[in-house]
Amino acid sequence: MHFRLKDETLQGKVWKFGDNIDTDLIIAARYLNTSEPSELAKHVMEDADPEFVAKMNEGDIIVAGENFGCGSSREHAPIALKAAGINAIIAPTFARIFYRNAFNMGLPIFELPEAEEINEGDVVRVDMDAGEIINVTQAKTYKFTPIPEFMQELVNAGGLIEFAKKEIAAGAKQ
């Protein structure tokens, strides 16, 4: 049940976290002696749930409360989440710097005021083109403001660096 259906649709099992999940809870400062994504992934969300990495599967989705990603502006947080295999993050609000860093790293995030209605263990599908989050388990559909096309291109490319590499390569061929 955890897979990417196509570039514009994501589906996965939900893991729930509360309000104000800061970047230190996402990846603790004690692990920042490396920028290697695979190393960071081993410790993602460890201080919020020590068993998280052992329980989650690639393609799972985090649903959280208000102000997800607050705290420091470190890029390690979205890198760790993406490297761990998190497909997307859904929350009512995100810290502004985390929001931008997530897209720069190619991690899709979605603002949904009704996020608290989604339960841990539910399966949700996100249709980026339609601007819909479908709770498959509860048979409920929510609308969100679709991601701007350029930011969706960043996600599809795998982040800002990969997007820039493709743009440079395309320009060199002309």
C-alpha atoms as a PDB file:
ATOM      1  CA  MET A   1       0.000   0.000   0.000  1.00  0.00           C
ATOM      2  CA  HIS A   2       3.027   2.312   0.128  1.00  0.00           C
ATOM      3  CA  PHE A   3       3.939   3.504  -3.313  1.00  0.00           C
ATOM      4  CA  ARG A   4       4.063   6.360  -5.742  1.00  0.00           C
ATOM      5  CA  LEU A   5       1.154   5.876  -8.148  1.00  0.00           C
ATOM      6  CA  LYS A   6       2.488   8.433 -10.641  1.00  0.00           C
ATOM      7  CA  ASP A   7       4.444  11.655 -10.371  1.00  0.00           C
ATOM      8  CA  GLU A   8       1.407  13.637  -9.245  1.00  0.00           C
ATOM      9  CA  THR A   9      -0.118  11.090  -6.812  1.00  0.00           C
ATOM     10  CA  LEU A  10       1.278   9.748  -3.541  1.00  0.00           C
ATOM     11  CA  GLN A  11      -0.182   7.101  -1.238  1.00  0.00           C
ATOM     12  CA  GLY A  12       0.923   5.738   2.108  1.00  0.00           C
ATOM     13  CA  LYS A  13       0.177   4.767   5.679  1.00  0.00           C
ATOM     14  CA  VAL A  14      -0.124   7.614   8.185  1.00  0.00           C
ATOM     15  CA  TRP A  15       2.059   8.266  11.226  1.00  0.00           C
ATOM     16  CA  LYS A  16       0.708  11.018  13.511  1.00  0.00           C
ATOM     17  CA  PHE A  17       2.650  13.651  15.423  1.00  0.00           C
ATOM     18  CA  GLY A  18       1.403  16.684  17.357  1.00  0.00           C
ATOM     19  CA  ASP A  19       1.881  20.436  17.212  1.00  0.00           C
ATOM     20  CA  ASN A  20       5.235  22.244  17.100  1.00  0.00           C
ATOM     21  CA  ILE A  21       7.386  19.336  15.943  1.00  0.00           C
ATOM     22  CA  ASP A  22      10.679  21.177  15.669  1.00  0.00           C
ATOM     23  CA  THR A  23      13.725  20.330  13.608  1.00  0.00           C
ATOM     24  CA  ASP A  24      15.481  18.942  16.707  1.00  0.00           C
ATOM     25  CA  LEU A  25      12.696  16.354  17.074  1.00  0.00           C
ATOM     26  CA  ILE A  26      12.902  15.540  13.363  1.00  0.00           C
ATOM     27  CA  ILE A  27      16.680  15.015  13.514  1.00  0.00           C
ATOM     28  CA  ALA A  28      18.480  15.636  16.805  1.00  0.00           C
ATOM     29  CA  ALA A  29      21.510  17.926  16.842  1.00  0.00           C
ATOM     30  CA  ARG A  30      23.690  15.064  18.122  1.00  0.00           C
ATOM     31  CA  TYR A  31      23.458  13.468  14.653  1.00  0.00           C
ATOM     32  CA  LEU A  32      24.441  16.557  12.696  1.00  0.00           C
ATOM     33  CA  ASN A  33      28.100  15.566  12.473  1.00  0.00           C
ATOM     34  CA  THR A  34      27.132  14.117   9.080  1.00  0.00           C
ATOM     35  CA  SER A  35      25.186  15.325   6.076  1.00  0.00           C
ATOM     36  CA  GLU A  36      24.944  11.810   4.630  1.00  0.00           C
ATOM     37  CA  PRO A  37      21.215  11.229   4.010  1.00  0.00           C
ATOM     38  CA  SER A  38      21.335   7.481   4.737  1.00  0.00           C
ATOM     39  CA  GLU A  39      22.937   8.137   8.150  1.00  0.00           C
ATOM     40  CA  LEU A  40      20.434  10.877   9.016  1.00  0.00           C
ATOM     41  CA  ALA A  41      17.556   8.586   7.985  1.00  0.00           C
ATOM     42  CA  LYS A  42      18.490   6.080  10.710  1.00  0.00           C
ATOM     43  CA  HIS A  43      17.611   8.652  13.387  1.00  0.00           C
ATOM     44  CA  VAL A  44      14.640  10.535  11.918  1.00  0.00           C
ATOM     45  CA  MET A  45      11.947  11.395  14.502  1.00  0.00           C
ATOM     46  CA  GLU A  46      13.941   9.453  17.132  1.00  0.00           C
ATOM     47  CA  ASP A  47      13.328  11.941  19.956  1.00  0.00           C
ATOM     48  CA  ALA A  48       9.595  12.131  19.167  1.00  0.00           C
ATOM     49  CA  ASP A  49       9.213   8.326  18.846  1.00  0.00           C
ATOM     50  CA  PRO A  50      12.312   6.177  19.477  1.00  0.00           C
ATOM     51  CA  GLU A  51      10.784   3.255  17.511  1.00  0.00           C
ATOM     52  CA  PHE A  52       9.663   5.322  14.498  1.00  0.00           C
ATOM     53  CA  VAL A  53      12.336   4.182  12.019  1.00  0.00           C
ATOM     54  CA  ALA A  54      11.799   0.525  12.970  1.00  0.00           C
ATOM     55  CA  LYS A  55       8.003   0.820  12.555  1.00  0.00           C
ATOM     56  CA  MET A  56       7.703   2.935   9.410  1.00  0.00           C
ATOM     57  CA  ASN A  57       7.973   1.772   5.820  1.00  0.00           C
ATOM     58  CA  GLU A  58       9.182   3.539   2.728  1.00  0.00           C
ATOM     59  CA  GLY A  59       6.299   5.519   1.255  1.00  0.00           C
ATOM     60  CA  ASP A  60       4.608   6.270   4.576  1.00  0.00           C
ATOM     61  CA  ILE A  61       3.178   9.731   5.233  1.00  0.00           C
ATOM     62  CA  ILE A  62       3.492  11.899   8.335  1.00  0.00           C
ATOM     63  CA  VAL A  63       0.423  13.837   9.455  1.00  0.00           C
ATOM     64  CA  ALA A  64       1.159  16.403  12.136  1.00  0.00           C
ATOM     65  CA  GLY A  65      -0.330  19.349  13.977  1.00  0.00           C
ATOM     66  CA  GLU A  66       0.349  23.057  13.664  1.00  0.00           C
ATOM     67  CA  ASN A  67       3.778  24.558  12.943  1.00  0.00           C
ATOM     68  CA  PHE A  68       5.589  21.432  11.745  1.00  0.00           C
ATOM     69  CA  GLY A  69       9.333  22.019  11.243  1.00  0.00           C
ATOM     70  CA  CYS A  70       9.716  24.992  13.583  1.00  0.00           C
ATOM     71  CA  GLY A  71      13.052  25.679  15.224  1.00  0.00           C
ATOM     72  CA  SER A  72      16.354  25.942  13.422  1.00  0.00           C
ATOM     73  CA  SER A  73      16.616  26.396   9.683  1.00  0.00           C
ATOM     74  CA  ARG A  74      18.716  23.294   9.111  1.00  0.00           C
ATOM     75  CA  GLU A  75      18.190  21.470   5.841  1.00  0.00           C
ATOM     76  CA  HIS A  76      19.026  18.186   7.585  1.00  0.00           C
ATOM     77  CA  ALA A  77      15.394  17.802   8.724  1.00  0.00           C
ATOM     78  CA  PRO A  78      13.750  17.415   5.297  1.00  0.00           C
ATOM     79  CA  ILE A  79      16.811  15.502   4.040  1.00  0.00           C
ATOM     80  CA  ALA A  80      16.425  12.967   6.866  1.00  0.00           C
ATOM     81  CA  LEU A  81      12.675  12.582   6.307  1.00  0.00           C
ATOM     82  CA  LYS A  82      13.075  12.072   2.570  1.00  0.00           C
ATOM     83  CA  ALA A  83      16.022   9.679   2.988  1.00  0.00           C
ATOM     84  CA  ALA A  84      13.997   7.612   5.476  1.00  0.00           C
ATOM     85  CA  GLY A  85      11.401   7.133   2.755  1.00  0.00           C
ATOM     86  CA  ILE A  86       8.673   9.477   3.972  1.00  0.00           C
ATOM     87  CA  ASN A  87       6.478  10.151   0.928  1.00  0.00           C
ATOM     88  CA  ALA A  88       4.926  13.404   2.169  1.00  0.00           C
ATOM     89  CA  ILE A  89       4.034  15.484   5.202  1.00  0.00           C
ATOM     90  CA  ILE A  90       0.541  16.831   5.851  1.00  0.00           C
ATOM     91  CA  ALA A  91      -0.104  19.468   8.528  1.00  0.00           C
ATOM     92  CA  PRO A  92      -2.324  22.506   9.052  1.00  0.00           C
ATOM     93  CA  THR A  93       0.737  24.792   9.014  1.00  0.00           C
ATOM     94  CA  PHE A  94       4.490  24.559   8.508  1.00  0.00           C
ATOM     95  CA  ALA A  95       7.316  26.744   9.725  1.00  0.00           C
ATOM     96  CA  ARG A  96       8.229  29.012   6.821  1.00  0.00           C
ATOM     97  CA  ILE A  97      11.883  27.990   6.480  1.00  0.00           C
ATOM     98  CA  PHE A  98      11.057  24.272   6.768  1.00  0.00           C
ATOM     99  CA  TYR A  99       8.401  24.742   4.053  1.00  0.00           C
ATOM    100  CA  ARG A 100      10.956  26.112   1.607  1.00  0.00           C
ATOM    101  CA  ASN A 101      13.706  23.665   2.612  1.00  0.00           C
ATOM    102  CA  ALA A 102      11.324  20.730   2.091  1.00  0.00           C
ATOM    103  CA  PHE A 103      10.636  21.731  -1.513  1.00  0.00           C
ATOM    104  CA  ASN A 104      14.313  22.478  -2.119  1.00  0.00           C
ATOM    105  CA  MET A 105      15.085  18.914  -0.993  1.00  0.00           C
ATOM    106  CA  GLY A 106      12.243  17.407  -3.049  1.00  0.00           C
ATOM    107  CA  LEU A 107      10.029  16.478  -0.074  1.00  0.00           C
ATOM    108  CA  PRO A 108       6.357  17.219  -0.807  1.00  0.00           C
ATOM    109  CA  ILE A 109       4.401  18.862   1.995  1.00  0.00           C
ATOM    110  CA  PHE A 110       0.731  19.817   2.078  1.00  0.00           C
ATOM    111  CA  GLU A 111      -1.133  22.296   4.232  1.00  0.00           C
ATOM    112  CA  LEU A 112      -4.464  20.860   5.351  1.00  0.00           C
ATOM    113  CA  PRO A 113      -6.472  22.571   8.134  1.00  0.00           C
ATOM    114  CA  GLU A 114      -8.394  19.304   8.762  1.00  0.00           C
ATOM    115  CA  ALA A 115      -5.232  17.237   9.300  1.00  0.00           C
ATOM    116  CA  GLU A 116      -6.328  16.368  12.855  1.00  0.00           C
ATOM    117  CA  GLU A 117      -9.218  14.304  11.387  1.00  0.00           C
ATOM    118  CA  ILE A 118      -6.743  11.821   9.891  1.00  0.00           C
ATOM    119  CA  ASN A 119      -5.789   8.976  12.240  1.00  0.00           C
ATOM    120  CA  GLU A 120      -2.536   7.097  12.651  1.00  0.00           C
ATOM    121  CA  GLY A 121      -2.685   3.955  10.545  1.00  0.00           C
ATOM    122  CA  ASP A 122      -5.088   5.408   7.976  1.00  0.00           C
ATOM    123  CA  VAL A 123      -4.039   5.161   4.339  1.00  0.00           C
ATOM    124  CA  VAL A 124      -4.134   8.476   2.495  1.00  0.00           C
ATOM    125  CA  ARG A 125      -3.697   9.342  -1.156  1.00  0.00           C
ATOM    126  CA  VAL A 126      -2.535  12.778  -2.268  1.00  0.00           C
ATOM    127  CA  ASP A 127      -3.448  13.924  -5.767  1.00  0.00           C
ATOM    128  CA  MET A 128      -1.230  16.958  -6.328  1.00  0.00           C
ATOM    129  CA  ASP A 129      -2.874  17.949  -9.616  1.00  0.00           C
ATOM    130  CA  ALA A 130      -6.423  17.869  -8.246  1.00  0.00           C
ATOM    131  CA  GLY A 131      -5.423  19.423  -4.930  1.00  0.00           C
ATOM    132  CA  GLU A 132      -7.021  16.557  -3.011  1.00  0.00           C
ATOM    133  CA  ILE A 133      -6.073  14.421  -0.062  1.00  0.00           C
ATOM    134  CA  ILE A 134      -8.196  11.280   0.077  1.00  0.00           C
ATOM    135  CA  ASN A 135      -8.358   9.362   3.319  1.00  0.00           C
ATOM    136  CA  VAL A 136      -8.834   5.916   1.762  1.00  0.00           C
ATOM    137  CA  THR A 137      -9.513   4.330   5.174  1.00  0.00           C
ATOM    138  CA  GLN A 138     -12.263   6.794   6.139  1.00  0.00           C
ATOM    139  CA  ALA A 139     -13.513   7.411   2.559  1.00  0.00           C
ATOM    140  CA  LYS A 140     -13.140  11.184   3.055  1.00  0.00           C
ATOM    141  CA  THR A 141     -11.762  13.711   0.589  1.00  0.00           C
ATOM    142  CA  TYR A 142     -10.171  17.032   1.545  1.00  0.00           C
ATOM    143  CA  LYS A 143      -9.230  19.913  -0.733  1.00  0.00           C
ATOM    144  CA  PHE A 144      -5.968  21.826  -0.386  1.00  0.00           C
ATOM    145  CA  THR A 145      -4.489  24.633  -2.429  1.00  0.00           C
ATOM    146  CA  PRO A 146      -2.501  22.895  -5.164  1.00  0.00           C
ATOM    147  CA  ILE A 147       1.260  23.319  -5.030  1.00  0.00           C
ATOM    148  CA  PRO A 148       2.475  25.972  -7.482  1.00  0.00           C
ATOM    149  CA  GLU A 149       3.700  24.374 -10.705  1.00  0.00           C
ATOM    150  CA  PHE A 150       7.342  25.411 -10.192  1.00  0.00           C
ATOM    151  CA  MET A 151       7.430  23.896  -6.701  1.00  0.00           C
ATOM    152  CA  GLN A 152       5.819  20.706  -8.021  1.00  0.00           C
ATOM    153  CA  GLU A 153       8.601  20.594 -10.647  1.00  0.00           C
ATOM    154  CA  LEU A 154      11.156  20.810  -7.801  1.00  0.00           C
ATOM    155  CA  VAL A 155       9.543  17.822  -6.080  1.00  0.00           C
ATOM    156  CA  ASN A 156       9.311  15.807  -9.311  1.00  0.00           C
ATOM    157  CA  ALA A 157      12.980  16.544 -10.086  1.00  0.00           C
ATOM    158  CA  GLY A 158      14.073  15.406  -6.611  1.00  0.00           C
ATOM    159  CA  GLY A 159      14.852  18.875  -5.255  1.00  0.00           C
ATOM    160  CA  LEU A 160      16.432  22.156  -6.266  1.00  0.00           C
ATOM    161  CA  ILE A 161      19.907  20.763  -7.039  1.00  0.00           C
ATOM    162  CA  GLU A 162      18.550  18.018  -9.312  1.00  0.00           C
ATOM    163  CA  PHE A 163      16.197  20.510 -10.960  1.00  0.00           C
ATOM    164  CA  ALA A 164      19.120  22.867 -11.664  1.00  0.00           C
ATOM    165  CA  LYS A 165      21.240  20.019 -13.082  1.00  0.00           C
ATOM    166  CA  LYS A 166      18.439  19.093 -15.507  1.00  0.00           C
ATOM    167  CA  GLU A 167      17.963  22.726 -16.542  1.00  0.00           C
ATOM    168  CA  ILE A 168      21.701  23.157 -17.159  1.00  0.00           C
ATOM    169  CA  ALA A 169      21.862  19.897 -19.139  1.00  0.00           C
ATOM    170  CA  ALA A 170      18.852  20.940 -21.241  1.00  0.00           C
ATOM    171  CA  GLY A 171      20.449  24.323 -21.929  1.00  0.00           C
ATOM    172  CA  ALA A 172      23.712  22.708 -22.985  1.00  0.00           C
ATOM    173  CA  LYS A 173      21.898  20.577 -25.595  1.00  0.00           C
ATOM    174  CA  GLN A 174      20.369  23.635 -27.293  1.00  0.00           C
END
